[in-house]
Amino acid sequence: MDTLTRIRAFIDVVDAEGFSAAGRRVGRSKALLSKYVRELEDELGALLLNRTTRQFSLTEAGHLYYRTASDILKEIDNLADLVRAGNADLKGRLRISVPRTFVDAEIGQSLIDFTLAHPDMSLEIISDDRFVDLVEEGFDVAIRITKLEDSTLIARKLDDFDIRFCATPAYLARYGPFAHPSDLARVPCILDTNGRSYSNWRFVDGEGQGFSVPVSGPIEVNSPLAALRAAEAGLGVTGLPDFIARAKIEAGILVPLFDAFTPRDRGIYAIYPHRRYLPAKVRTFVDFLHGWFRKRAER
C-alpha cells in the first residue's frame, strides 16, 4: 500500500470528522480506513489521532500533518488536472465567491455563459459581499469589485470599474447646481453601505490628489440596485457601479455628476490562491471571463 493512499485516507477521516462518515463518503469500510491511518502513523512514528469509542481528535502532530498534507495533495491533484486538460474535456465543480452586485447585474450573464460553454462543469456560486477567505473557506476563485490591495492571492483584472455619481434631472433642478463634489455635503444622498467608506465619498482633484466628502441622507442600504431605485425616485444623489448606472444614464433617467473627479483605481478582478500548479478548471474559468469582458467592451 502506497503512502499517498494512506494520506488520502487520513485526510478523508479528518474532513468527515469520523471513520464511519468518511467511509460512507468515499465508499470504503470503516475498518479499512482505520487500517490505512494506523499504517500511516506507524510509518511516521507518531500518533495523528486520539481515538475513543465515540469520537476522535487530532494530536498536535496530526494538526501539523493535516495542514501540510492537504496542501501537497491539492498540488498533486492540480498537476493531474493540467495534464488531463490537454487530452480531455474539462469536468468537475468550481466553488466561487461572487458579490451580489455582480450576480444581480447584467454582467452576471458571464457565469451563465461559462456554464453553457462547459456543460461538463458545474458552478457553486456563493453570492456574498464580504471578502471571503478563499483558502480557509474552500473557494476555488472569487470575483472582487474593488481597489486592489496587496495580497498573497493572485489577481487577474477582468475589466475596469468606475463609480458613477448621479441623480435625476428633477433632483438637480431642486438642489443644484453643483460646481464641486464638496457641494454634496449639504444635500440628501443615498448611501450604499457595501463600500468601506460609504459615508465619505472618494474623489480626486485635477492633480490626482485624493480627497473625501462626508455625505448623509434618507437611505442607507447594502444594495446598489436598491440605491438605484431610490435615486430614480428622486431621494438623492447616489454612487453606483458603472455597469448598473450606464443604462439609466444613457436613457436620461439619471444625470452623471463629477466624472472628472472620479478615481480610476478600481477594477473587477478574478482572485485565486497562489498555487504552483493552478487547476485547469480555474484557469479555464478565469480565461473565459477575461475573454467575455473583452468582447463586451468591444460591443
Protein backbone atom coordinates (compact mmCIF):
# COMPACT_ATOMS: atom_id res chain seq x y z
CA MET A 1 0.00 0.00 0.00
CA ASP A 2 1.47 3.34 -1.04
CA THR A 3 1.87 6.32 1.28
CA LEU A 4 -0.34 8.54 -0.87
CA THR A 5 -3.34 6.27 -0.34
CA ARG A 6 -2.76 6.31 3.42
CA ILE A 7 -2.51 10.12 3.39
CA ARG A 8 -5.78 10.41 1.46
CA ALA A 9 -7.47 8.12 3.97
CA PHE A 10 -6.24 10.25 6.88
CA ILE A 11 -7.46 13.48 5.24
CA ASP A 12 -10.83 11.89 4.37
CA VAL A 13 -11.32 10.88 8.01
CA VAL A 14 -10.44 14.34 9.32
CA ASP A 15 -12.62 16.12 6.74
CA ALA A 16 -15.60 13.86 7.51
CA GLU A 17 -14.95 14.12 11.28
CA GLY A 18 -15.02 10.37 11.75
CA PHE A 19 -14.19 6.97 10.27
CA SER A 20 -17.80 5.93 9.64
CA ALA A 21 -18.74 9.19 7.93
CA ALA A 22 -15.57 9.08 5.85
CA GLY A 23 -16.31 5.51 4.82
CA ARG A 24 -19.78 6.47 3.60
CA ARG A 25 -18.38 9.46 1.73
CA VAL A 26 -15.58 7.67 -0.12
CA GLY A 27 -17.13 4.21 -0.42
CA ARG A 28 -14.69 2.34 1.82
CA SER A 29 -15.21 0.46 5.03
CA LYS A 30 -14.52 1.99 8.44
CA ALA A 31 -12.11 -0.87 9.17
CA LEU A 32 -10.10 -0.27 6.01
CA LEU A 33 -9.75 3.47 6.67
CA SER A 34 -8.71 2.76 10.24
CA LYS A 35 -6.08 0.33 8.94
CA TYR A 36 -4.69 2.93 6.50
CA VAL A 37 -4.45 5.62 9.19
CA ARG A 38 -2.79 3.22 11.63
CA GLU A 39 -0.23 2.23 8.96
CA LEU A 40 0.46 5.92 8.27
CA GLU A 41 1.07 6.54 11.98
CA ASP A 42 3.39 3.52 12.12
CA GLU A 43 5.29 4.83 9.10
CA LEU A 44 5.67 8.28 10.67
CA GLY A 45 6.33 7.01 14.16
CA ALA A 46 3.81 9.49 15.54
CA LEU A 47 0.21 9.42 16.74
CA LEU A 48 -2.02 11.57 14.49
CA LEU A 49 -5.43 10.87 16.01
CA ASN A 50 -6.62 10.41 19.59
CA ARG A 51 -9.33 7.74 19.33
CA THR A 52 -12.13 6.87 21.75
CA THR A 53 -15.18 4.69 21.23
CA ARG A 54 -17.33 7.72 20.42
CA GLN A 55 -15.06 10.30 18.84
CA PHE A 56 -11.55 11.26 17.86
CA SER A 57 -9.41 14.36 17.95
CA LEU A 58 -6.25 15.46 16.19
CA THR A 59 -3.00 15.40 18.09
CA GLU A 60 -0.59 18.30 17.75
CA ALA A 61 1.36 16.26 15.19
CA GLY A 62 -1.93 15.44 13.47
CA HIS A 63 -2.82 19.13 13.07
CA LEU A 64 0.56 19.87 11.52
CA TYR A 65 0.46 16.84 9.24
CA TYR A 66 -3.11 17.53 8.10
CA ARG A 67 -2.41 21.11 7.02
CA THR A 68 0.75 20.25 5.12
CA ALA A 69 -0.52 17.01 3.59
CA SER A 70 -3.72 18.73 2.39
CA ASP A 71 -1.68 21.31 0.52
CA ILE A 72 0.53 18.65 -1.03
CA LEU A 73 -2.46 16.61 -2.23
CA LYS A 74 -4.04 19.70 -3.76
CA GLU A 75 -0.86 20.34 -5.73
CA ILE A 76 -0.79 16.73 -6.92
CA ASP A 77 -4.45 16.87 -7.98
CA ASN A 78 -3.95 20.22 -9.68
CA LEU A 79 -0.96 18.92 -11.60
CA ALA A 80 -3.02 15.94 -12.74
CA ASP A 81 -5.75 18.33 -13.92
CA LEU A 82 -3.23 20.25 -16.01
CA VAL A 83 -2.04 17.06 -17.70
CA ARG A 84 -5.56 15.82 -18.35
CA ALA A 85 -6.70 19.18 -19.71
CA GLY A 86 -4.73 18.70 -22.92
CA ASN A 87 -6.31 15.32 -23.60
CA ALA A 88 -9.89 15.52 -22.41
CA ASP A 89 -12.82 17.84 -21.86
CA LEU A 90 -12.84 19.66 -18.54
CA LYS A 91 -15.07 18.20 -15.87
CA GLY A 92 -15.71 18.99 -12.26
CA ARG A 93 -17.09 21.58 -9.90
CA LEU A 94 -15.97 25.12 -9.17
CA ARG A 95 -16.82 26.85 -5.91
CA ILE A 96 -16.75 30.60 -6.47
CA SER A 97 -17.44 33.65 -4.32
CA VAL A 98 -19.17 36.49 -6.15
CA PRO A 99 -20.53 39.84 -4.94
CA ARG A 100 -24.31 40.13 -5.10
CA THR A 101 -23.81 43.24 -7.21
CA PHE A 102 -22.07 41.13 -9.86
CA VAL A 103 -24.64 38.34 -9.86
CA ASP A 104 -27.66 40.66 -10.00
CA ALA A 105 -26.29 42.92 -12.76
CA GLU A 106 -26.16 42.11 -16.46
CA ILE A 107 -22.50 41.08 -16.15
CA GLY A 108 -23.72 38.11 -14.12
CA GLN A 109 -24.60 36.66 -17.51
CA SER A 110 -20.90 35.78 -17.84
CA LEU A 111 -21.38 32.97 -15.29
CA ILE A 112 -24.32 31.56 -17.21
CA ASP A 113 -22.42 31.78 -20.49
CA PHE A 114 -19.49 29.90 -18.97
CA THR A 115 -21.77 27.08 -17.85
CA LEU A 116 -23.34 26.90 -21.30
CA ALA A 117 -19.88 26.71 -22.89
CA HIS A 118 -18.71 23.97 -20.47
CA PRO A 119 -21.64 21.60 -19.89
CA ASP A 120 -19.48 19.05 -18.06
CA MET A 121 -18.56 21.58 -15.40
CA SER A 122 -20.77 22.95 -12.64
CA LEU A 123 -20.58 26.16 -10.65
CA GLU A 124 -21.39 26.51 -6.97
CA ILE A 125 -21.94 30.27 -6.77
CA ILE A 126 -21.89 31.80 -3.29
CA SER A 127 -23.23 35.35 -3.52
CA ASP A 128 -21.73 37.38 -0.69
CA ASP A 129 -20.49 40.96 -0.49
CA ARG A 130 -17.88 40.24 2.18
CA PHE A 131 -14.27 39.36 1.31
CA VAL A 132 -14.14 35.62 1.97
CA ASP A 133 -11.00 33.73 2.92
CA LEU A 134 -10.54 31.55 -0.15
CA VAL A 135 -8.23 29.02 1.46
CA GLU A 136 -9.96 28.66 4.81
CA GLU A 137 -13.47 28.54 3.30
CA GLY A 138 -12.61 26.27 0.39
CA PHE A 139 -13.23 28.55 -2.58
CA ASP A 140 -11.53 27.92 -5.91
CA VAL A 141 -11.85 31.50 -7.11
CA ALA A 142 -13.52 34.80 -6.15
CA ILE A 143 -14.73 37.79 -8.11
CA ARG A 144 -13.99 41.10 -6.44
CA ILE A 145 -15.02 44.61 -7.43
CA THR A 146 -12.59 46.81 -5.61
CA LYS A 147 -9.42 48.81 -5.41
CA LEU A 148 -6.86 46.02 -5.40
CA GLU A 149 -4.84 45.84 -2.20
CA ASP A 150 -1.59 43.96 -1.60
CA SER A 151 -2.35 40.29 -1.16
CA THR A 152 -0.83 36.84 -1.07
CA LEU A 153 -3.51 35.88 -3.58
CA ILE A 154 -3.21 36.01 -7.36
CA ALA A 155 -5.38 38.54 -9.18
CA ARG A 156 -6.27 38.90 -12.85
CA LYS A 157 -8.08 42.02 -13.97
CA LEU A 158 -11.23 41.32 -15.95
CA ASP A 159 -12.44 44.85 -16.58
CA ASP A 160 -12.21 48.46 -15.49
CA PHE A 161 -14.69 49.66 -12.94
CA ASP A 162 -15.84 53.16 -12.02
CA ILE A 163 -18.34 54.64 -9.63
CA ARG A 164 -20.84 57.00 -11.30
CA PHE A 165 -22.35 59.66 -9.08
CA CYS A 166 -25.78 60.60 -10.39
CA ALA A 167 -29.28 61.90 -9.67
CA THR A 168 -32.50 62.64 -11.52
CA PRO A 169 -32.95 65.86 -13.55
CA ALA A 170 -35.74 66.92 -11.16
CA TYR A 171 -33.48 66.47 -8.14
CA LEU A 172 -30.72 68.53 -9.77
CA ALA A 173 -33.19 71.28 -10.62
CA ARG A 174 -34.26 71.40 -6.98
CA TYR A 175 -30.86 71.20 -5.24
CA GLY A 176 -28.35 72.24 -7.90
CA PRO A 177 -26.33 73.49 -9.49
CA PHE A 178 -23.28 71.53 -8.28
CA ALA A 179 -19.89 73.04 -9.01
CA HIS A 180 -17.68 70.73 -6.92
CA PRO A 181 -18.03 67.36 -5.11
CA SER A 182 -17.88 69.21 -1.78
CA ASP A 183 -21.39 70.50 -2.58
CA LEU A 184 -22.69 67.01 -1.85
CA ALA A 185 -22.12 67.52 1.89
CA ARG A 186 -25.12 69.88 2.02
CA VAL A 187 -27.73 67.82 0.10
CA PRO A 188 -29.53 64.47 0.60
CA CYS A 189 -27.54 61.46 -0.65
CA ILE A 190 -28.25 57.74 -0.88
CA LEU A 191 -25.56 55.60 0.70
CA ASP A 192 -24.58 52.10 -0.39
CA THR A 193 -23.09 50.57 2.75
CA ASN A 194 -21.15 47.93 0.80
CA GLY A 195 -18.37 50.47 0.36
CA ARG A 196 -15.65 50.61 3.02
CA SER A 197 -16.03 54.40 3.31
CA TYR A 198 -19.66 54.59 2.30
CA SER A 199 -20.37 57.83 4.17
CA ASN A 200 -17.19 59.54 2.94
CA TRP A 201 -17.20 59.52 -0.85
CA ARG A 202 -13.79 59.47 -2.51
CA PHE A 203 -12.75 61.85 -5.29
CA VAL A 204 -9.55 63.13 -6.89
CA ASP A 205 -8.70 66.69 -7.86
CA GLY A 206 -7.14 67.93 -11.10
CA GLU A 207 -3.65 67.00 -9.88
CA GLY A 208 -4.66 63.47 -8.95
CA GLN A 209 -4.73 64.12 -5.20
CA GLY A 210 -7.43 62.27 -3.35
CA PHE A 211 -10.00 63.85 -1.05
CA SER A 212 -13.26 62.73 0.53
CA VAL A 213 -16.63 64.35 1.08
CA PRO A 214 -18.82 63.38 4.08
CA VAL A 215 -22.37 62.63 2.94
CA SER A 216 -25.64 61.64 4.55
CA GLY A 217 -29.23 61.15 3.54
CA PRO A 218 -32.57 59.42 3.99
CA ILE A 219 -31.48 55.89 2.96
CA GLU A 220 -28.51 53.67 3.74
CA VAL A 221 -28.69 50.27 2.08
CA ASN A 222 -26.27 47.46 1.23
CA SER A 223 -27.59 47.09 -2.32
CA PRO A 224 -26.68 49.22 -5.34
CA LEU A 225 -29.90 48.14 -7.05
CA ALA A 226 -31.93 49.48 -4.13
CA ALA A 227 -29.83 52.66 -4.19
CA LEU A 228 -30.59 52.95 -7.92
CA ARG A 229 -34.33 52.76 -7.30
CA ALA A 230 -34.08 55.36 -4.54
CA ALA A 231 -32.17 57.69 -6.87
CA GLU A 232 -34.78 57.19 -9.60
CA ALA A 233 -37.41 58.18 -7.05
CA GLY A 234 -35.60 61.49 -6.54
CA LEU A 235 -34.42 60.84 -2.99
CA GLY A 236 -30.85 61.92 -3.53
CA VAL A 237 -27.50 61.64 -5.28
CA THR A 238 -26.01 58.17 -5.19
CA GLY A 239 -22.81 56.47 -6.27
CA LEU A 240 -23.40 53.42 -8.46
CA PRO A 241 -21.18 50.90 -10.24
CA ASP A 242 -20.90 51.98 -13.85
CA PHE A 243 -22.34 48.69 -15.13
CA ILE A 244 -25.51 49.38 -13.13
CA ALA A 245 -25.83 53.11 -13.79
CA ARG A 246 -24.96 53.11 -17.51
CA ALA A 247 -28.37 52.22 -18.94
CA LYS A 248 -30.20 54.77 -16.78
CA ILE A 249 -27.71 57.48 -17.69
CA GLU A 250 -27.94 56.72 -21.41
CA ALA A 251 -31.74 56.86 -21.16
CA GLY A 252 -31.59 60.27 -19.46
CA ILE A 253 -33.29 58.99 -16.31
CA LEU A 254 -30.20 59.81 -14.26
CA VAL A 255 -27.64 62.55 -14.86
CA PRO A 256 -23.96 61.88 -14.05
CA LEU A 257 -22.04 64.24 -11.77
CA PHE A 258 -18.32 64.87 -11.25
CA ASP A 259 -16.97 62.27 -13.70
CA ALA A 260 -13.77 64.32 -13.91
CA PHE A 261 -13.29 63.84 -10.15
CA THR A 262 -13.88 60.07 -10.11
CA PRO A 263 -10.91 57.88 -9.06
CA ARG A 264 -9.71 55.40 -11.70
CA ASP A 265 -8.09 52.90 -9.34
CA ARG A 266 -10.79 50.24 -9.17
CA GLY A 267 -11.41 47.14 -11.22
CA ILE A 268 -13.21 43.82 -11.49
CA TYR A 269 -10.79 41.02 -10.62
CA ALA A 270 -10.70 37.25 -10.52
CA ILE A 271 -8.82 36.22 -7.37
CA TYR A 272 -7.45 32.78 -6.62
CA PRO A 273 -4.94 31.26 -4.19
CA HIS A 274 -1.30 31.13 -5.15
CA ARG A 275 -0.53 27.60 -6.28
CA ARG A 276 2.39 26.21 -8.18
CA TYR A 277 0.04 24.15 -10.32
CA LEU A 278 -3.13 26.14 -10.97
CA PRO A 279 -6.09 23.79 -11.54
CA ALA A 280 -7.05 23.65 -15.21
CA LYS A 281 -10.68 24.30 -14.33
CA VAL A 282 -9.75 27.55 -12.54
CA ARG A 283 -7.50 28.66 -15.40
CA THR A 284 -10.27 27.93 -17.93
CA PHE A 285 -12.86 29.81 -15.88
CA VAL A 286 -10.69 32.90 -15.46
CA ASP A 287 -9.66 32.87 -19.14
CA PHE A 288 -13.31 32.64 -20.16
CA LEU A 289 -14.34 35.61 -18.00
CA HIS A 290 -11.42 37.67 -19.28
CA GLY A 291 -12.48 36.99 -22.87
CA TRP A 292 -16.14 37.63 -22.07
CA PHE A 293 -15.41 41.10 -20.71
CA ARG A 294 -13.13 41.93 -23.65
CA LYS A 295 -15.92 41.07 -26.10
CA ARG A 296 -18.36 43.12 -24.03
CA ALA A 297 -16.04 46.15 -24.18
CA GLU A 298 -15.81 45.86 -27.96
CA ARG A 299 -19.57 45.95 -28.44
